[in-house]
Amino acid sequence: MNHDQNRPPRLRLLMAFALVVTGIGSPAVAADTAPGSGPIIDLRYRHEAVDDAAFTRNANADTVRLRLGYRWVFASAWQIRVDGEHVQGLFGQHYNSTANGKTTYPVVADPESSELNQAWIGYSGEQWQSRLGRQQVMLDNQRFFGNVGWRQNEQTFDALFAGHTFSGGGPTIGYTYLDRALRVFGHDNPNPLLGEWSLSGNLIHAEQALPFGSLSAYAYLVENNSIATLSTRTLGLRWTGKHPLGDNTLGWALEWSDQSDYANNPLSQSARYHLIEPSLQIRGLTIKAGWEVLGGNGRYGFSTPYATLHAFNGWADRFLSTPVDGLDDRYFGLSGKIGQSGRVSWSTTYHDFRADQGGDAYGHEFDASIGYRFNARFSGLLKAADYHSDGYGSDVRKLWASVEYRY
């Protein structure tokens, strides 16, 4: 692509900057705290079935993902990681992968692909950390930036990260420069805007431990050179924590953000976000309630295009893009483990979706999952989502069954 022609000089400048901020040879930098050298092996098979009332055909996708690589720890606190992945469809493609042209089926966004997943050099000391290259970017709970690990082809970024932890209980401050987003739809997707986005992003994230919990402050300034209307500035605060109540534990997450248009965005955009999520853990059972609002004004809805979206607003993925009237998601969930070994884990969540502006009903959804860890490397998962429309989109039911091996 033409917009990539100036990337090599820029990345050389980023490498020089990374060498400066990590303080090579500085006696204040501690020894390596990174995991040891070794191979990376991740094999996952998954069946996904989709019954969408908007389609006459149901989707049935059987896919396998193999990720292979190597992590090399060398010198003092330095490491290199390189891994690639291949996604393969099995037993015929009775689904719309976004790349196979089978648009009469519902979407299962796991197209066949072979690509470089991560390739970076990094430094990890007691106070300084940095990484340069293709990498995961996962901030807080991944509501704004995540690796979308649920999909077979995860999301990574060509990026520079530099972070510093201040001594004496001071804050941790991190800076990430984003040059490119490699999206879950695969590098070889026939639609180039599904495959990757050219970015000029500056992410600043600070976290401070408090007597009760932890407070994060962030400023995400992202210019999207591929889709200008996704260029936004997002400023926010997030407070999370846990506190013992006798034999039980009270938890909470509170968050507020303000978003506006930025840089090359041709539109005037403004929206706010807030989250209130208390939880209570009682003898291994976790009870969670939540109220999450992505604001909308009838022209624009609060945007989180780089998030791990599947983890939010229901597993049926009806709200991967925020409606222009916004989204008011009120939910209640239970989760826990079965047996003393803790190998069996389960969760259920109920969502009620409405418009932020006007309060019109969108729909409601019930999600449930059960997982079993056979051993430290091998696990299985059953998962289901049932969305009932009250006027937004169509009814949809989804079912997943998967097994995964990680080394």
Protein backbone atom coordinates (compact mmCIF):
# COMPACT_ATOMS: atom_id res chain seq x y z
CA MET A 1 0.00 0.00 0.00
CA ASN A 2 1.19 3.49 -0.75
CA HIS A 3 0.68 4.73 2.78
CA ASP A 4 3.26 2.19 4.02
CA GLN A 5 6.18 3.56 1.99
CA ASN A 6 7.43 5.85 4.73
CA ARG A 7 7.26 3.27 7.52
CA PRO A 8 10.86 1.95 7.60
CA PRO A 9 12.50 5.31 8.47
CA ARG A 10 9.83 5.91 11.12
CA LEU A 11 10.42 2.50 12.68
CA ARG A 12 14.20 3.09 12.73
CA LEU A 13 13.55 6.26 14.70
CA LEU A 14 11.33 4.29 17.07
CA MET A 15 14.09 1.71 17.60
CA ALA A 16 16.54 4.47 18.47
CA PHE A 17 14.04 5.94 20.92
CA ALA A 18 13.46 2.53 22.52
CA LEU A 19 17.20 2.09 23.11
CA VAL A 20 17.34 5.45 24.83
CA VAL A 21 14.34 5.02 27.13
CA THR A 22 15.33 1.54 28.30
CA GLY A 23 18.63 2.85 29.61
CA ILE A 24 21.02 0.22 28.24
CA GLY A 25 23.88 -0.37 30.66
CA SER A 26 22.32 1.72 33.44
CA PRO A 27 23.12 0.33 36.90
CA ALA A 28 19.59 1.28 38.04
CA VAL A 29 18.05 -1.34 35.73
CA ALA A 30 17.42 -4.67 37.43
CA ALA A 31 17.99 -8.19 36.17
CA ASP A 32 15.67 -9.99 33.80
CA THR A 33 12.18 -10.80 35.11
CA ALA A 34 10.85 -12.18 31.80
CA PRO A 35 9.96 -15.87 31.30
CA GLY A 36 12.71 -18.16 30.08
CA SER A 37 13.58 -19.11 26.51
CA GLY A 38 11.48 -21.76 24.85
CA PRO A 39 9.12 -22.75 22.04
CA ILE A 40 5.60 -21.36 21.64
CA ILE A 41 2.95 -23.91 20.64
CA ASP A 42 -0.78 -23.10 20.64
CA LEU A 43 -3.25 -25.43 18.93
CA ARG A 44 -6.99 -24.75 19.09
CA TYR A 45 -9.90 -26.52 17.39
CA ARG A 46 -13.35 -24.90 17.55
CA HIS A 47 -16.83 -25.59 16.27
CA GLU A 48 -19.10 -22.53 16.02
CA ALA A 49 -22.78 -22.82 15.09
CA VAL A 50 -24.90 -19.73 14.34
CA ASP A 51 -28.70 -19.64 13.96
CA ASP A 52 -29.55 -16.09 12.81
CA ALA A 53 -33.18 -15.26 12.00
CA ALA A 54 -32.02 -12.89 9.25
CA PHE A 55 -30.65 -15.84 7.22
CA THR A 56 -32.35 -18.89 5.74
CA ARG A 57 -29.19 -20.93 6.33
CA ASN A 58 -27.42 -21.68 9.59
CA ALA A 59 -23.66 -21.33 9.81
CA ASN A 60 -21.49 -24.22 10.96
CA ALA A 61 -17.77 -23.49 11.17
CA ASP A 62 -15.08 -25.99 12.11
CA THR A 63 -11.70 -24.26 12.28
CA VAL A 64 -8.29 -25.09 13.67
CA ARG A 65 -5.62 -22.58 14.59
CA LEU A 66 -1.94 -23.48 14.95
CA ARG A 67 0.46 -20.91 16.38
CA LEU A 68 4.18 -21.71 16.45
CA GLY A 69 7.08 -19.57 17.56
CA TYR A 70 10.02 -19.10 19.88
CA ARG A 71 10.84 -16.79 22.77
CA TRP A 72 14.55 -16.12 23.33
CA VAL A 73 15.75 -14.47 26.54
CA PHE A 74 19.29 -13.15 26.21
CA ALA A 75 21.74 -10.77 27.92
CA SER A 76 20.31 -8.97 30.95
CA ALA A 77 16.54 -8.55 30.81
CA TRP A 78 16.30 -8.67 27.00
CA GLN A 79 14.10 -10.99 24.97
CA ILE A 80 12.94 -11.59 21.41
CA ARG A 81 9.64 -13.23 20.51
CA VAL A 82 8.59 -14.41 17.04
CA ASP A 83 5.51 -16.47 16.25
CA GLY A 84 3.30 -17.15 13.26
CA GLU A 85 -0.13 -18.70 12.93
CA HIS A 86 -2.23 -20.59 10.43
CA VAL A 87 -6.05 -20.83 10.49
CA GLN A 88 -7.65 -23.64 8.49
CA GLY A 89 -11.31 -24.43 7.81
CA LEU A 90 -12.37 -28.09 8.09
CA PHE A 91 -15.21 -30.18 6.62
CA GLY A 92 -16.29 -27.50 4.11
CA GLN A 93 -16.96 -23.83 4.73
CA HIS A 94 -20.66 -23.53 5.61
CA TYR A 95 -20.24 -20.00 6.96
CA ASN A 96 -19.28 -16.49 5.86
CA SER A 97 -15.68 -16.07 6.99
CA THR A 98 -15.64 -12.44 5.61
CA ALA A 99 -13.12 -13.66 3.03
CA ASN A 100 -14.73 -16.69 1.31
CA GLY A 101 -17.64 -14.85 -0.36
CA LYS A 102 -20.33 -17.10 1.20
CA THR A 103 -22.62 -14.23 2.13
CA THR A 104 -25.78 -16.37 2.27
CA TYR A 105 -24.52 -17.69 5.61
CA PRO A 106 -24.12 -15.80 8.91
CA VAL A 107 -20.63 -14.49 9.70
CA VAL A 108 -18.09 -16.54 11.61
CA ALA A 109 -15.07 -14.24 11.49
CA ASP A 110 -12.34 -16.89 11.33
CA PRO A 111 -11.07 -16.76 7.73
CA GLU A 112 -8.29 -19.04 6.54
CA SER A 113 -4.98 -17.25 6.82
CA SER A 114 -1.25 -17.68 7.34
CA GLU A 115 0.66 -14.76 8.80
CA LEU A 116 3.25 -13.42 11.17
CA ASN A 117 1.47 -12.87 14.47
CA GLN A 118 4.13 -11.33 16.73
CA ALA A 119 7.75 -10.32 16.17
CA TRP A 120 9.32 -8.01 18.72
CA ILE A 121 12.40 -7.23 20.78
CA GLY A 122 11.83 -6.21 24.37
CA TYR A 123 13.45 -5.20 27.61
CA SER A 124 12.01 -5.94 31.07
CA GLY A 125 13.65 -4.62 34.23
CA GLU A 126 12.38 -3.64 37.65
CA GLN A 127 11.60 -0.08 36.58
CA TRP A 128 11.93 0.14 32.78
CA GLN A 129 10.10 -1.94 30.18
CA SER A 130 9.96 -1.60 26.41
CA ARG A 131 9.00 -3.53 23.27
CA LEU A 132 9.42 -2.72 19.61
CA GLY A 133 7.77 -4.61 16.76
CA ARG A 134 4.57 -6.53 16.08
CA GLN A 135 2.96 -7.19 19.45
CA GLN A 136 -0.19 -7.48 21.54
CA VAL A 137 -1.54 -4.26 23.06
CA MET A 138 -3.78 -5.02 26.05
CA LEU A 139 -4.72 -2.13 28.34
CA ASP A 140 -6.79 -2.49 31.53
CA ASN A 141 -9.70 -4.86 30.82
CA GLN A 142 -9.21 -4.55 27.01
CA ARG A 143 -12.31 -2.35 26.64
CA PHE A 144 -10.35 0.03 24.40
CA PHE A 145 -7.29 -1.94 23.26
CA GLY A 146 -6.97 -5.72 23.25
CA ASN A 147 -5.77 -8.76 21.33
CA VAL A 148 -9.25 -10.19 20.57
CA GLY A 149 -7.96 -13.58 21.73
CA TRP A 150 -11.37 -15.18 21.23
CA ARG A 151 -11.03 -15.19 17.46
CA GLN A 152 -8.70 -17.71 15.84
CA ASN A 153 -6.52 -14.97 14.32
CA GLU A 154 -5.79 -12.52 17.14
CA GLN A 155 -5.33 -8.76 16.73
CA THR A 156 -1.79 -7.39 17.00
CA PHE A 157 -0.16 -4.03 16.32
CA ASP A 158 3.08 -2.76 14.82
CA ALA A 159 4.01 -0.64 17.80
CA LEU A 160 6.55 0.77 20.24
CA PHE A 161 5.92 0.48 23.98
CA ALA A 162 7.95 2.15 26.75
CA GLY A 163 7.00 2.09 30.42
CA HIS A 164 8.45 3.11 33.77
CA THR A 165 7.48 2.16 37.32
CA PHE A 166 8.46 4.75 39.92
CA SER A 167 9.97 3.50 43.16
CA GLY A 168 8.49 4.08 46.60
CA GLY A 169 4.94 3.18 45.64
CA GLY A 170 4.82 5.63 42.76
CA PRO A 171 2.77 5.20 39.60
CA THR A 172 3.46 3.10 36.54
CA ILE A 173 3.36 5.17 33.36
CA GLY A 174 3.33 3.66 29.88
CA TYR A 175 3.46 5.09 26.38
CA THR A 176 2.56 3.16 23.24
CA TYR A 177 2.97 4.36 19.67
CA LEU A 178 0.75 2.53 17.15
CA ASP A 179 1.83 2.31 13.53
CA ARG A 180 -0.51 -0.38 12.21
CA ALA A 181 -3.36 -2.63 13.37
CA LEU A 182 -3.35 -6.23 12.07
CA ARG A 183 -6.98 -7.20 12.46
CA VAL A 184 -8.68 -10.54 13.16
CA PHE A 185 -9.99 -10.87 9.59
CA GLY A 186 -6.57 -11.88 8.27
CA HIS A 187 -3.81 -10.14 6.39
CA ASP A 188 -4.87 -11.68 3.06
CA ASN A 189 -8.54 -10.69 3.34
CA PRO A 190 -9.81 -9.51 -0.09
CA ASN A 191 -11.16 -6.39 1.62
CA PRO A 192 -7.96 -4.50 2.62
CA LEU A 193 -9.81 -2.46 5.26
CA LEU A 194 -10.71 -5.70 7.05
CA GLY A 195 -7.10 -6.91 6.93
CA GLU A 196 -5.25 -3.96 8.43
CA TRP A 197 -5.42 -0.27 9.31
CA SER A 198 -2.69 2.34 9.01
CA LEU A 199 -2.50 4.29 12.26
CA SER A 200 -0.69 7.11 13.97
CA GLY A 201 -1.66 6.46 17.57
CA ASN A 202 -0.34 7.79 20.86
CA LEU A 203 -1.54 5.91 23.94
CA ILE A 204 -0.65 7.22 27.39
CA HIS A 205 -1.66 5.10 30.38
CA ALA A 206 -0.84 5.69 34.06
CA GLU A 207 -1.77 3.51 37.03
CA GLN A 208 -1.43 4.29 40.74
CA ALA A 209 -2.05 1.94 43.64
CA LEU A 210 -4.37 3.42 46.28
CA PRO A 211 -5.25 2.39 49.85
CA PHE A 212 -8.41 0.98 48.28
CA GLY A 213 -7.84 -0.44 44.81
CA SER A 214 -6.02 1.04 41.86
CA LEU A 215 -6.67 4.15 39.76
CA SER A 216 -5.86 4.32 36.04
CA ALA A 217 -5.81 7.47 33.90
CA TYR A 218 -5.48 7.36 30.13
CA ALA A 219 -5.32 9.46 27.00
CA TYR A 220 -5.74 7.59 23.71
CA LEU A 221 -5.11 9.78 20.64
CA VAL A 222 -5.45 7.69 17.50
CA GLU A 223 -5.36 8.93 13.91
CA ASN A 224 -6.71 6.22 11.60
CA ASN A 225 -5.28 6.82 8.13
CA SER A 226 -7.39 4.04 6.59
CA ILE A 227 -10.81 5.08 7.99
CA ALA A 228 -10.68 8.73 8.99
CA THR A 229 -14.02 8.66 10.85
CA LEU A 230 -12.39 6.29 13.38
CA SER A 231 -9.82 8.92 14.38
CA THR A 232 -10.67 9.77 17.99
CA ARG A 233 -9.33 11.22 21.21
CA THR A 234 -10.43 9.35 24.34
CA LEU A 235 -9.66 10.61 27.86
CA GLY A 236 -10.71 8.65 30.93
CA LEU A 237 -10.34 7.34 34.48
CA ARG A 238 -10.82 3.78 35.80
CA TRP A 239 -10.95 2.74 39.49
CA THR A 240 -10.89 -0.96 40.37
CA GLY A 241 -10.34 -2.90 43.55
CA LYS A 242 -11.20 -5.67 45.99
CA HIS A 243 -11.81 -5.52 49.74
CA PRO A 244 -12.38 -8.39 52.19
CA LEU A 245 -15.72 -8.55 54.00
CA GLY A 246 -15.17 -11.30 56.56
CA ASP A 247 -14.84 -14.52 54.57
CA ASN A 248 -16.19 -12.80 51.44
CA THR A 249 -14.72 -10.26 49.00
CA LEU A 250 -16.27 -7.09 47.66
CA GLY A 251 -15.06 -5.96 44.24
CA TRP A 252 -15.73 -2.97 42.05
CA ALA A 253 -14.93 -1.28 38.75
CA LEU A 254 -15.89 2.33 38.01
CA GLU A 255 -14.94 4.05 34.76
CA TRP A 256 -15.66 7.29 32.91
CA SER A 257 -14.42 8.42 29.49
CA ASP A 258 -14.95 11.31 27.11
CA GLN A 259 -14.44 10.83 23.36
CA SER A 260 -14.21 13.33 20.52
CA ASP A 261 -13.04 13.53 16.91
CA TYR A 262 -9.29 13.84 16.36
CA ALA A 263 -6.70 14.69 13.69
CA ASN A 264 -7.93 13.81 10.16
CA ASN A 265 -11.53 12.99 11.21
CA PRO A 266 -13.83 15.01 8.91
CA LEU A 267 -16.81 14.76 11.29
CA SER A 268 -17.68 16.48 14.54
CA GLN A 269 -18.04 13.66 17.06
CA SER A 270 -18.60 13.64 20.81
CA ALA A 271 -19.76 10.93 23.22
CA ARG A 272 -19.18 9.70 26.75
CA TYR A 273 -18.77 6.31 28.39
CA HIS A 274 -19.37 5.12 31.92
CA LEU A 275 -19.24 1.83 33.76
CA ILE A 276 -20.44 0.82 37.24
CA GLU A 277 -19.69 -2.82 38.09
CA PRO A 278 -19.85 -4.09 41.69
CA SER A 279 -19.20 -7.74 42.52
CA LEU A 280 -19.29 -9.99 45.56
CA GLN A 281 -17.39 -13.25 46.01
CA ILE A 282 -19.03 -15.66 48.47
CA ARG A 283 -17.34 -19.02 49.07
CA GLY A 284 -16.15 -19.34 45.49
CA LEU A 285 -19.34 -17.96 43.92
CA THR A 286 -18.95 -14.56 42.25
CA ILE A 287 -22.03 -12.36 41.85
CA LYS A 288 -21.62 -9.45 39.45
CA ALA A 289 -23.93 -6.65 38.36
CA GLY A 290 -23.10 -3.97 35.82
CA TRP A 291 -24.29 -0.84 34.08
CA GLU A 292 -22.26 0.13 31.02
CA VAL A 293 -23.26 3.05 28.81
CA LEU A 294 -21.65 3.93 25.48
CA GLY A 295 -23.17 7.30 24.73
CA GLY A 296 -24.90 8.26 21.50
CA ASN A 297 -26.61 11.40 20.18
CA GLY A 298 -28.41 10.08 17.09
CA ARG A 299 -25.45 10.80 14.83
CA TYR A 300 -22.54 9.13 16.60
CA GLY A 301 -22.06 6.37 19.15
CA PHE A 302 -19.02 5.98 21.42
CA SER A 303 -16.48 3.95 19.43
CA THR A 304 -14.11 1.17 20.59
CA PRO A 305 -12.84 -0.38 17.32
CA TYR A 306 -9.55 -1.70 18.80
CA ALA A 307 -11.12 -3.50 21.78
CA THR A 308 -11.57 -7.17 22.53
CA LEU A 309 -15.23 -6.64 21.64
CA HIS A 310 -16.48 -10.19 22.16
CA ALA A 311 -15.91 -9.84 25.91
CA PHE A 312 -18.44 -6.99 26.19
CA ASN A 313 -22.15 -6.45 25.51
CA GLY A 314 -23.02 -10.11 25.03
CA TRP A 315 -21.31 -13.03 23.32
CA ALA A 316 -23.79 -12.96 20.42
CA ASP A 317 -21.77 -9.97 19.11
CA ARG A 318 -24.83 -7.89 18.22
CA PHE A 319 -23.10 -4.68 19.30
CA LEU A 320 -19.61 -4.83 17.81
CA SER A 321 -20.31 -1.29 16.56
CA THR A 322 -22.12 1.11 18.87
CA PRO A 323 -25.51 2.28 17.49
CA VAL A 324 -25.75 6.02 16.78
CA ASP A 325 -28.28 6.32 19.66
CA GLY A 326 -25.72 4.72 21.97
CA LEU A 327 -25.94 1.55 24.03
CA ASP A 328 -27.19 1.11 27.61
CA ASP A 329 -26.23 -2.41 28.78
CA ARG A 330 -27.47 -3.52 32.22
CA TYR A 331 -26.35 -7.00 33.18
CA PHE A 332 -26.23 -9.52 36.00
CA GLY A 333 -23.97 -12.55 36.18
CA LEU A 334 -22.90 -15.52 38.27
CA SER A 335 -19.65 -17.48 37.97
CA GLY A 336 -17.64 -20.00 39.92
CA LYS A 337 -15.80 -23.31 40.01
CA ILE A 338 -16.95 -26.86 40.68
CA GLY A 339 -15.04 -29.28 42.88
CA GLN A 340 -12.00 -28.86 45.10
CA SER A 341 -9.60 -29.11 42.17
CA GLY A 342 -11.13 -26.06 40.51
CA ARG A 343 -10.75 -27.65 37.09
CA VAL A 344 -14.37 -26.96 36.13
CA SER A 345 -15.36 -23.30 35.76
CA TRP A 346 -18.74 -21.89 34.74
CA SER A 347 -20.48 -18.56 34.17
CA THR A 348 -23.89 -17.16 33.26
CA THR A 349 -24.86 -13.58 32.38
CA TYR A 350 -28.12 -11.85 31.50
CA HIS A 351 -28.06 -8.56 29.50
CA ASP A 352 -30.79 -5.98 28.94
CA PHE A 353 -29.92 -3.66 26.04
CA ARG A 354 -31.43 -0.24 25.42
CA ALA A 355 -30.63 2.96 23.54
CA ASP A 356 -28.75 5.60 25.51
CA GLN A 357 -30.70 8.34 23.72
CA GLY A 358 -34.45 7.83 23.97
CA GLY A 359 -34.28 4.60 25.97
CA ASP A 360 -35.80 2.41 23.24
CA ALA A 361 -35.47 -1.33 23.88
CA TYR A 362 -32.88 -3.11 21.71
CA GLY A 363 -33.12 -6.65 23.04
CA HIS A 364 -31.97 -9.01 25.77
CA GLU A 365 -29.49 -11.87 25.90
CA PHE A 366 -28.52 -14.86 28.01
CA ASP A 367 -24.96 -16.22 27.91
CA ALA A 368 -23.53 -19.33 29.57
CA SER A 369 -20.27 -21.27 29.51
CA ILE A 370 -18.56 -24.21 31.15
CA GLY A 371 -14.87 -25.01 30.87
CA TYR A 372 -12.70 -27.91 31.96
CA ARG A 373 -8.92 -27.85 32.45
CA PHE A 374 -7.61 -31.36 31.87
CA ASN A 375 -4.08 -30.38 32.91
CA ALA A 376 -1.77 -27.36 32.85
CA ARG A 377 -1.67 -27.31 29.02
CA PHE A 378 -4.91 -28.85 27.75
CA SER A 379 -8.43 -27.40 28.21
CA GLY A 380 -11.95 -27.58 26.76
CA LEU A 381 -14.86 -25.14 26.57
CA LEU A 382 -18.61 -25.19 25.85
CA LYS A 383 -20.30 -21.82 25.41
CA ALA A 384 -23.66 -20.46 24.24
CA ALA A 385 -25.35 -17.10 23.55
CA ASP A 386 -29.07 -16.43 22.95
CA TYR A 387 -30.06 -12.91 21.82
CA HIS A 388 -33.74 -11.92 21.50
CA SER A 389 -34.38 -8.74 19.56
CA ASP A 390 -36.83 -6.10 20.74
CA GLY A 391 -36.28 -4.07 17.59
CA TYR A 392 -32.51 -4.00 17.06
CA GLY A 393 -31.11 -6.58 14.67
CA SER A 394 -32.45 -10.12 14.45
CA ASP A 395 -32.71 -12.97 16.92
CA VAL A 396 -29.55 -15.06 17.00
CA ARG A 397 -28.31 -18.14 18.82
CA LYS A 398 -24.69 -19.21 18.90
CA LEU A 399 -22.99 -22.31 20.25
CA TRP A 400 -19.27 -23.04 20.59
CA ALA A 401 -17.28 -26.15 21.46
CA SER A 402 -13.50 -25.99 21.54
CA VAL A 403 -10.37 -27.71 22.79
CA GLU A 404 -6.96 -26.04 23.14
CA TYR A 405 -3.38 -27.09 23.82
CA ARG A 406 -0.76 -24.54 24.90
CA TYR A 407 2.93 -25.06 25.52
